[in-house]
Amino acid sequence: MEYLLRERSATVADWYELTRVNFWRDDLLYVYLRELYDYFYGGREEPPESPDDVPPLGYEV
């Protein structure tokens, strides 16, 4: 997980293929992964919530 966070080598498409969980932007995926890492290995007490998998109205992907 540290490698993935450091290198940011996975895209949202890669993540979806592996997990069937959709993120609509890479940066949201990595925020979630950082929060998940902090939950597993750091001091975060609550698991993170996945961001909405649908972009807001008017946002161009």
PDB file of N, CA and C in Angstrom:
ATOM      1  N   MET A   1       0.818  -1.177   0.000  1.00  0.00           N
ATOM      2  CA  MET A   1       0.000   0.000   0.000  1.00  0.00           C
ATOM      3  C   MET A   1       0.874   1.258   0.000  1.00  0.00           C
ATOM      4  N   GLU A   2       1.994   1.200   0.716  1.00  0.00           N
ATOM      5  CA  GLU A   2       2.897   2.345   0.713  1.00  0.00           C
ATOM      6  C   GLU A   2       3.424   2.626  -0.693  1.00  0.00           C
ATOM      7  N   TYR A   3       3.770   1.571  -1.418  1.00  0.00           N
ATOM      8  CA  TYR A   3       4.242   1.732  -2.797  1.00  0.00           C
ATOM      9  C   TYR A   3       3.166   2.385  -3.656  1.00  0.00           C
ATOM     10  N   LEU A   4       1.961   1.911  -3.543  1.00  0.00           N
ATOM     11  CA  LEU A   4       0.858   2.454  -4.341  1.00  0.00           C
ATOM     12  C   LEU A   4       0.642   3.925  -4.035  1.00  0.00           C
ATOM     13  N   LEU A   5       0.676   4.289  -2.774  1.00  0.00           N
ATOM     14  CA  LEU A   5       0.497   5.694  -2.398  1.00  0.00           C
ATOM     15  C   LEU A   5       1.670   6.548  -2.875  1.00  0.00           C
ATOM     16  N   ARG A   6       2.859   6.022  -2.798  1.00  0.00           N
ATOM     17  CA  ARG A   6       4.049   6.778  -3.201  1.00  0.00           C
ATOM     18  C   ARG A   6       4.109   6.955  -4.722  1.00  0.00           C
ATOM     19  N   GLU A   7       3.889   5.878  -5.445  1.00  0.00           N
ATOM     20  CA  GLU A   7       4.048   5.902  -6.904  1.00  0.00           C
ATOM     21  C   GLU A   7       2.788   6.342  -7.661  1.00  0.00           C
ATOM     22  N   ARG A   8       1.631   6.217  -7.003  1.00  0.00           N
ATOM     23  CA  ARG A   8       0.341   6.548  -7.647  1.00  0.00           C
ATOM     24  C   ARG A   8       0.236   5.863  -9.012  1.00  0.00           C
ATOM     25  N   SER A   9       0.552   4.583  -9.007  1.00  0.00           N
ATOM     26  CA  SER A   9       0.649   3.837 -10.265  1.00  0.00           C
ATOM     27  C   SER A   9      -0.683   3.278 -10.759  1.00  0.00           C
ATOM     28  N   ALA A  10      -1.704   3.306  -9.949  1.00  0.00           N
ATOM     29  CA  ALA A  10      -3.014   2.789 -10.364  1.00  0.00           C
ATOM     30  C   ALA A  10      -3.932   3.940 -10.756  1.00  0.00           C
ATOM     31  N   THR A  11      -4.729   3.690 -11.771  1.00  0.00           N
ATOM     32  CA  THR A  11      -5.745   4.662 -12.176  1.00  0.00           C
ATOM     33  C   THR A  11      -7.093   4.212 -11.629  1.00  0.00           C
ATOM     34  N   VAL A  12      -8.087   5.078 -11.767  1.00  0.00           N
ATOM     35  CA  VAL A  12      -9.426   4.686 -11.323  1.00  0.00           C
ATOM     36  C   VAL A  12      -9.926   3.488 -12.127  1.00  0.00           C
ATOM     37  N   ALA A  13      -9.525   3.390 -13.377  1.00  0.00           N
ATOM     38  CA  ALA A  13      -9.922   2.234 -14.198  1.00  0.00           C
ATOM     39  C   ALA A  13      -9.281   0.956 -13.668  1.00  0.00           C
ATOM     40  N   ASP A  14      -8.010   1.030 -13.293  1.00  0.00           N
ATOM     41  CA  ASP A  14      -7.336  -0.131 -12.698  1.00  0.00           C
ATOM     42  C   ASP A  14      -8.035  -0.551 -11.408  1.00  0.00           C
ATOM     43  N   TRP A  15      -8.336   0.429 -10.574  1.00  0.00           N
ATOM     44  CA  TRP A  15      -8.963   0.140  -9.282  1.00  0.00           C
ATOM     45  C   TRP A  15     -10.336  -0.510  -9.487  1.00  0.00           C
ATOM     46  N   TYR A  16     -11.090   0.011 -10.446  1.00  0.00           N
ATOM     47  CA  TYR A  16     -12.411  -0.559 -10.718  1.00  0.00           C
ATOM     48  C   TYR A  16     -12.285  -2.005 -11.206  1.00  0.00           C
ATOM     49  N   GLU A  17     -11.322  -2.262 -12.061  1.00  0.00           N
ATOM     50  CA  GLU A  17     -11.131  -3.618 -12.583  1.00  0.00           C
ATOM     51  C   GLU A  17     -10.812  -4.606 -11.458  1.00  0.00           C
ATOM     52  N   LEU A  18     -10.045  -4.156 -10.476  1.00  0.00           N
ATOM     53  CA  LEU A  18      -9.674  -5.018  -9.357  1.00  0.00           C
ATOM     54  C   LEU A  18     -10.771  -5.174  -8.305  1.00  0.00           C
ATOM     55  N   THR A  19     -11.510  -4.104  -8.052  1.00  0.00           N
ATOM     56  CA  THR A  19     -12.416  -4.086  -6.893  1.00  0.00           C
ATOM     57  C   THR A  19     -13.888  -3.910  -7.233  1.00  0.00           C
ATOM     58  N   ARG A  20     -14.175  -3.445  -8.442  1.00  0.00           N
ATOM     59  CA  ARG A  20     -15.529  -3.081  -8.857  1.00  0.00           C
ATOM     60  C   ARG A  20     -16.078  -1.902  -8.049  1.00  0.00           C
ATOM     61  N   VAL A  21     -15.160  -1.105  -7.494  1.00  0.00           N
ATOM     62  CA  VAL A  21     -15.517   0.133  -6.800  1.00  0.00           C
ATOM     63  C   VAL A  21     -15.055   1.274  -7.693  1.00  0.00           C
ATOM     64  N   ASN A  22     -15.974   2.177  -8.005  1.00  0.00           N
ATOM     65  CA  ASN A  22     -15.708   3.229  -8.971  1.00  0.00           C
ATOM     66  C   ASN A  22     -15.404   4.554  -8.278  1.00  0.00           C
ATOM     67  N   PHE A  23     -14.316   5.173  -8.679  1.00  0.00           N
ATOM     68  CA  PHE A  23     -13.986   6.548  -8.324  1.00  0.00           C
ATOM     69  C   PHE A  23     -13.957   7.332  -9.617  1.00  0.00           C
ATOM     70  N   TRP A  24     -14.358   8.573  -9.600  1.00  0.00           N
ATOM     71  CA  TRP A  24     -14.429   9.323 -10.854  1.00  0.00           C
ATOM     72  C   TRP A  24     -13.216  10.199 -11.094  1.00  0.00           C
ATOM     73  N   ARG A  25     -12.300  10.270 -10.126  1.00  0.00           N
ATOM     74  CA  ARG A  25     -11.038  10.996 -10.329  1.00  0.00           C
ATOM     75  C   ARG A  25      -9.936  10.277  -9.559  1.00  0.00           C
ATOM     76  N   ASP A  26      -8.751  10.257 -10.143  1.00  0.00           N
ATOM     77  CA  ASP A  26      -7.616   9.608  -9.489  1.00  0.00           C
ATOM     78  C   ASP A  26      -7.307  10.230  -8.136  1.00  0.00           C
ATOM     79  N   ASP A  27      -7.394  11.563  -8.030  1.00  0.00           N
ATOM     80  CA  ASP A  27      -7.037  12.190  -6.757  1.00  0.00           C
ATOM     81  C   ASP A  27      -7.977  11.760  -5.634  1.00  0.00           C
ATOM     82  N   LEU A  28      -9.245  11.525  -5.937  1.00  0.00           N
ATOM     83  CA  LEU A  28     -10.179  11.043  -4.913  1.00  0.00           C
ATOM     84  C   LEU A  28      -9.842   9.621  -4.488  1.00  0.00           C
ATOM     85  N   LEU A  29      -9.414   8.809  -5.427  1.00  0.00           N
ATOM     86  CA  LEU A  29      -8.982   7.459  -5.100  1.00  0.00           C
ATOM     87  C   LEU A  29      -7.814   7.503  -4.125  1.00  0.00           C
ATOM     88  N   TYR A  30      -6.839   8.367  -4.392  1.00  0.00           N
ATOM     89  CA  TYR A  30      -5.655   8.402  -3.538  1.00  0.00           C
ATOM     90  C   TYR A  30      -5.911   9.054  -2.185  1.00  0.00           C
ATOM     91  N   VAL A  31      -6.844   9.975  -2.110  1.00  0.00           N
ATOM     92  CA  VAL A  31      -7.257  10.498  -0.799  1.00  0.00           C
ATOM     93  C   VAL A  31      -7.870   9.363   0.010  1.00  0.00           C
ATOM     94  N   TYR A  32      -8.744   8.601  -0.619  1.00  0.00           N
ATOM     95  CA  TYR A  32      -9.375   7.470   0.057  1.00  0.00           C
ATOM     96  C   TYR A  32      -8.332   6.441   0.506  1.00  0.00           C
ATOM     97  N   LEU A  33      -7.398   6.108  -0.364  1.00  0.00           N
ATOM     98  CA  LEU A  33      -6.375   5.121  -0.023  1.00  0.00           C
ATOM     99  C   LEU A  33      -5.488   5.613   1.120  1.00  0.00           C
ATOM    100  N   ARG A  34      -5.156   6.900   1.133  1.00  0.00           N
ATOM    101  CA  ARG A  34      -4.364   7.462   2.232  1.00  0.00           C
ATOM    102  C   ARG A  34      -5.144   7.352   3.545  1.00  0.00           C
ATOM    103  N   GLU A  35      -6.433   7.691   3.507  1.00  0.00           N
ATOM    104  CA  GLU A  35      -7.256   7.597   4.713  1.00  0.00           C
ATOM    105  C   GLU A  35      -7.402   6.145   5.159  1.00  0.00           C
ATOM    106  N   LEU A  36      -7.506   5.232   4.223  1.00  0.00           N
ATOM    107  CA  LEU A  36      -7.590   3.819   4.545  1.00  0.00           C
ATOM    108  C   LEU A  36      -6.281   3.336   5.167  1.00  0.00           C
ATOM    109  N   TYR A  37      -5.165   3.764   4.619  1.00  0.00           N
ATOM    110  CA  TYR A  37      -3.856   3.423   5.174  1.00  0.00           C
ATOM    111  C   TYR A  37      -3.749   3.938   6.615  1.00  0.00           C
ATOM    112  N   ASP A  38      -4.173   5.176   6.817  1.00  0.00           N
ATOM    113  CA  ASP A  38      -4.123   5.755   8.167  1.00  0.00           C
ATOM    114  C   ASP A  38      -5.033   5.005   9.131  1.00  0.00           C
ATOM    115  N   TYR A  39      -6.125   4.480   8.641  1.00  0.00           N
ATOM    116  CA  TYR A  39      -7.030   3.684   9.483  1.00  0.00           C
ATOM    117  C   TYR A  39      -6.377   2.358   9.863  1.00  0.00           C
ATOM    118  N   PHE A  40      -5.753   1.697   8.915  1.00  0.00           N
ATOM    119  CA  PHE A  40      -5.117   0.402   9.178  1.00  0.00           C
ATOM    120  C   PHE A  40      -3.832   0.540  10.000  1.00  0.00           C
ATOM    121  N   TYR A  41      -3.015   1.523   9.675  1.00  0.00           N
ATOM    122  CA  TYR A  41      -1.661   1.583  10.227  1.00  0.00           C
ATOM    123  C   TYR A  41      -1.364   2.834  11.053  1.00  0.00           C
ATOM    124  N   GLY A  42      -2.238   3.808  11.008  1.00  0.00           N
ATOM    125  CA  GLY A  42      -1.990   5.060  11.728  1.00  0.00           C
ATOM    126  C   GLY A  42      -2.974   5.244  12.863  1.00  0.00           C
ATOM    127  N   GLY A  43      -3.232   6.474  13.184  1.00  0.00           N
ATOM    128  CA  GLY A  43      -4.094   6.775  14.309  1.00  0.00           C
ATOM    129  C   GLY A  43      -5.545   7.044  13.969  1.00  0.00           C
ATOM    130  N   ARG A  44      -5.928   6.844  12.724  1.00  0.00           N
ATOM    131  CA  ARG A  44      -7.321   7.112  12.351  1.00  0.00           C
ATOM    132  C   ARG A  44      -8.229   6.087  13.020  1.00  0.00           C
ATOM    133  N   GLU A  45      -9.268   6.578  13.700  1.00  0.00           N
ATOM    134  CA  GLU A  45     -10.138   5.688  14.460  1.00  0.00           C
ATOM    135  C   GLU A  45     -11.323   5.147  13.665  1.00  0.00           C
ATOM    136  N   GLU A  46     -11.775   5.882  12.676  1.00  0.00           N
ATOM    137  CA  GLU A  46     -12.929   5.466  11.880  1.00  0.00           C
ATOM    138  C   GLU A  46     -12.492   5.140  10.454  1.00  0.00           C
ATOM    139  N   PRO A  47     -13.082   4.117   9.844  1.00  0.00           N
ATOM    140  CA  PRO A  47     -12.748   3.848   8.440  1.00  0.00           C
ATOM    141  C   PRO A  47     -13.270   4.975   7.552  1.00  0.00           C
ATOM    142  N   PRO A  48     -12.573   5.243   6.467  1.00  0.00           N
ATOM    143  CA  PRO A  48     -13.029   6.319   5.571  1.00  0.00           C
ATOM    144  C   PRO A  48     -14.258   5.894   4.784  1.00  0.00           C
ATOM    145  N   GLU A  49     -15.014   6.881   4.379  1.00  0.00           N
ATOM    146  CA  GLU A  49     -16.146   6.631   3.487  1.00  0.00           C
ATOM    147  C   GLU A  49     -15.676   6.850   2.056  1.00  0.00           C
ATOM    148  N   SER A  50     -16.116   5.982   1.168  1.00  0.00           N
ATOM    149  CA  SER A  50     -15.793   6.172  -0.245  1.00  0.00           C
ATOM    150  C   SER A  50     -16.513   7.414  -0.753  1.00  0.00           C
ATOM    151  N   PRO A  51     -15.818   8.220  -1.544  1.00  0.00           N
ATOM    152  CA  PRO A  51     -16.502   9.367  -2.155  1.00  0.00           C
ATOM    153  C   PRO A  51     -17.551   8.888  -3.149  1.00  0.00           C
ATOM    154  N   ASP A  52     -18.459   9.774  -3.484  1.00  0.00           N
ATOM    155  CA  ASP A  52     -19.457   9.437  -4.499  1.00  0.00           C
ATOM    156  C   ASP A  52     -18.756   9.010  -5.775  1.00  0.00           C
ATOM    157  N   ASP A  53     -19.311   7.984  -6.416  1.00  0.00           N
ATOM    158  CA  ASP A  53     -18.687   7.500  -7.651  1.00  0.00           C
ATOM    159  C   ASP A  53     -19.212   8.212  -8.888  1.00  0.00           C
ATOM    160  N   VAL A  54     -20.073   9.204  -8.695  1.00  0.00           N
ATOM    161  CA  VAL A  54     -20.641   9.958  -9.811  1.00  0.00           C
ATOM    162  C   VAL A  54     -20.184  11.408  -9.681  1.00  0.00           C
ATOM    163  N   PRO A  55     -19.618  11.986 -10.736  1.00  0.00           N
ATOM    164  CA  PRO A  55     -19.181  13.380 -10.643  1.00  0.00           C
ATOM    165  C   PRO A  55     -20.370  14.323 -10.461  1.00  0.00           C
ATOM    166  N   PRO A  56     -20.129  15.475  -9.845  1.00  0.00           N
ATOM    167  CA  PRO A  56     -21.201  16.453  -9.681  1.00  0.00           C
ATOM    168  C   PRO A  56     -21.692  16.950 -11.033  1.00  0.00           C
ATOM    169  N   LEU A  57     -22.916  17.407 -11.064  1.00  0.00           N
ATOM    170  CA  LEU A  57     -23.481  17.957 -12.310  1.00  0.00           C
ATOM    171  C   LEU A  57     -22.603  19.085 -12.822  1.00  0.00           C
ATOM    172  N   GLY A  58     -22.388  19.100 -14.107  1.00  0.00           N
ATOM    173  CA  GLY A  58     -21.594  20.135 -14.738  1.00  0.00           C
ATOM    174  C   GLY A  58     -20.104  19.860 -14.759  1.00  0.00           C
ATOM    175  N   TYR A  59     -19.670  18.792 -14.088  1.00  0.00           N
ATOM    176  CA  TYR A  59     -18.247  18.461 -14.099  1.00  0.00           C
ATOM    177  C   TYR A  59     -17.942  17.630 -15.326  1.00  0.00           C
ATOM    178  N   GLU A  60     -16.923  18.067 -16.071  1.00  0.00           N
ATOM    179  CA  GLU A  60     -16.520  17.316 -17.259  1.00  0.00           C
ATOM    180  C   GLU A  60     -15.362  16.411 -16.909  1.00  0.00           C
ATOM    181  N   VAL A  61     -15.539  15.111 -17.140  1.00  0.00           N
ATOM    182  CA  VAL A  61     -14.511  14.120 -16.833  1.00  0.00           C
ATOM    183  C   VAL A  61     -13.477  14.106 -17.920  1.00  0.00           C
TER     184      VAL A  61
END
